[in-house]
Amino acid sequence: MKCIDLYLRIRKDKIGYLRFILEGYDGLAQLTTIDAGQGLVRLLFPGSRYNEVLSLLDGVAVDINVQHYA
């Protein structure tokens, strides 16, 4: 199973919120904070769940001001 790394920049005060949401979806993705001050996070998830992760991010994009980083 191939895992995907997705780097995002989000509102720094919403890092915990996104982590909580991901945990609520039965560990859909693992969130690692790269730079809390800049809101830079990494999501690690199985490739088979790519569409689910993108769908979730679309749903919360406005709340967390998500930007694809790399």
C-alpha atoms as a PDB file:
ATOM      1  CA  MET A   1       0.000   0.000   0.000  1.00  0.00           C
ATOM      2  CA  LYS A   2       1.435   3.334  -1.071  1.00  0.00           C
ATOM      3  CA  CYS A   3       1.108   6.275   1.321  1.00  0.00           C
ATOM      4  CA  ILE A   4       0.777   9.869   0.216  1.00  0.00           C
ATOM      5  CA  ASP A   5       2.340  12.921   1.877  1.00  0.00           C
ATOM      6  CA  LEU A   6       0.356  16.123   1.484  1.00  0.00           C
ATOM      7  CA  TYR A   7       1.796  19.366   2.802  1.00  0.00           C
ATOM      8  CA  LEU A   8      -0.637  22.144   3.642  1.00  0.00           C
ATOM      9  CA  ARG A   9      -0.566  25.607   5.091  1.00  0.00           C
ATOM     10  CA  ILE A  10      -3.595  26.265   7.279  1.00  0.00           C
ATOM     11  CA  ARG A  11      -4.569  28.817   9.901  1.00  0.00           C
ATOM     12  CA  LYS A  12      -2.229  28.134  12.796  1.00  0.00           C
ATOM     13  CA  ASP A  13      -5.080  28.322  15.296  1.00  0.00           C
ATOM     14  CA  LYS A  14      -6.885  25.529  13.386  1.00  0.00           C
ATOM     15  CA  ILE A  15      -4.182  22.836  13.539  1.00  0.00           C
ATOM     16  CA  GLY A  16      -5.818  21.158  16.539  1.00  0.00           C
ATOM     17  CA  TYR A  17      -9.229  21.421  14.880  1.00  0.00           C
ATOM     18  CA  LEU A  18      -8.033  19.623  11.743  1.00  0.00           C
ATOM     19  CA  ARG A  19      -6.309  16.945  13.852  1.00  0.00           C
ATOM     20  CA  PHE A  20      -9.561  16.417  15.773  1.00  0.00           C
ATOM     21  CA  ILE A  21     -11.584  16.132  12.544  1.00  0.00           C
ATOM     22  CA  LEU A  22      -9.160  13.588  11.074  1.00  0.00           C
ATOM     23  CA  GLU A  23      -9.264  11.496  14.252  1.00  0.00           C
ATOM     24  CA  GLY A  24     -13.062  11.588  14.103  1.00  0.00           C
ATOM     25  CA  TYR A  25     -12.926   9.978  10.668  1.00  0.00           C
ATOM     26  CA  ASP A  26     -11.321   6.860  12.163  1.00  0.00           C
ATOM     27  CA  GLY A  27      -7.766   7.991  11.532  1.00  0.00           C
ATOM     28  CA  LEU A  28      -8.334   9.002   7.920  1.00  0.00           C
ATOM     29  CA  ALA A  29      -4.901  10.652   7.868  1.00  0.00           C
ATOM     30  CA  GLN A  30      -2.054  11.275  10.253  1.00  0.00           C
ATOM     31  CA  LEU A  31      -1.354  14.969  10.820  1.00  0.00           C
ATOM     32  CA  THR A  32       2.154  16.136  11.720  1.00  0.00           C
ATOM     33  CA  THR A  33       2.868  19.765  12.528  1.00  0.00           C
ATOM     34  CA  ILE A  34       5.924  20.940  10.606  1.00  0.00           C
ATOM     35  CA  ASP A  35       5.885  24.617  11.667  1.00  0.00           C
ATOM     36  CA  ALA A  36       3.116  25.684  14.036  1.00  0.00           C
ATOM     37  CA  GLY A  37       3.958  29.369  13.695  1.00  0.00           C
ATOM     38  CA  GLN A  38       3.339  29.255   9.958  1.00  0.00           C
ATOM     39  CA  GLY A  39       0.518  26.705  10.080  1.00  0.00           C
ATOM     40  CA  LEU A  40       2.501  24.205   8.018  1.00  0.00           C
ATOM     41  CA  VAL A  41       1.318  20.617   8.437  1.00  0.00           C
ATOM     42  CA  ARG A  42       1.821  17.277   6.726  1.00  0.00           C
ATOM     43  CA  LEU A  43      -0.915  14.746   6.150  1.00  0.00           C
ATOM     44  CA  LEU A  44       0.084  11.126   5.646  1.00  0.00           C
ATOM     45  CA  PHE A  45      -2.567   8.720   4.388  1.00  0.00           C
ATOM     46  CA  PRO A  46      -3.026   5.606   2.249  1.00  0.00           C
ATOM     47  CA  GLY A  47      -3.330   6.288  -1.459  1.00  0.00           C
ATOM     48  CA  SER A  48      -6.620   4.411  -1.474  1.00  0.00           C
ATOM     49  CA  ARG A  49      -8.146   7.155   0.694  1.00  0.00           C
ATOM     50  CA  TYR A  50      -6.964  10.077  -1.450  1.00  0.00           C
ATOM     51  CA  ASN A  51     -10.459  11.066  -2.616  1.00  0.00           C
ATOM     52  CA  GLU A  52     -11.824  10.916   0.934  1.00  0.00           C
ATOM     53  CA  VAL A  53      -9.058  13.187   2.219  1.00  0.00           C
ATOM     54  CA  LEU A  54      -9.596  15.719  -0.570  1.00  0.00           C
ATOM     55  CA  SER A  55     -13.336  15.670   0.007  1.00  0.00           C
ATOM     56  CA  LEU A  56     -12.840  16.328   3.710  1.00  0.00           C
ATOM     57  CA  LEU A  57     -10.395  19.165   3.004  1.00  0.00           C
ATOM     58  CA  ASP A  58     -12.859  20.716   0.550  1.00  0.00           C
ATOM     59  CA  GLY A  59     -15.493  20.636   3.287  1.00  0.00           C
ATOM     60  CA  VAL A  60     -13.349  22.462   5.846  1.00  0.00           C
ATOM     61  CA  ALA A  61     -11.248  24.614   3.489  1.00  0.00           C
ATOM     62  CA  VAL A  62     -12.985  27.875   4.329  1.00  0.00           C
ATOM     63  CA  ASP A  63     -12.816  27.252   8.091  1.00  0.00           C
ATOM     64  CA  ILE A  64      -9.108  26.477   8.145  1.00  0.00           C
ATOM     65  CA  ASN A  65      -7.969  28.584   5.167  1.00  0.00           C
ATOM     66  CA  VAL A  66      -6.248  25.599   3.566  1.00  0.00           C
ATOM     67  CA  GLN A  67      -3.546  26.091   0.961  1.00  0.00           C
ATOM     68  CA  HIS A  68      -1.646  23.320  -0.782  1.00  0.00           C
ATOM     69  CA  TYR A  69       2.012  23.854   0.061  1.00  0.00           C
ATOM     70  CA  ALA A  70       4.037  21.250  -1.789  1.00  0.00           C
END
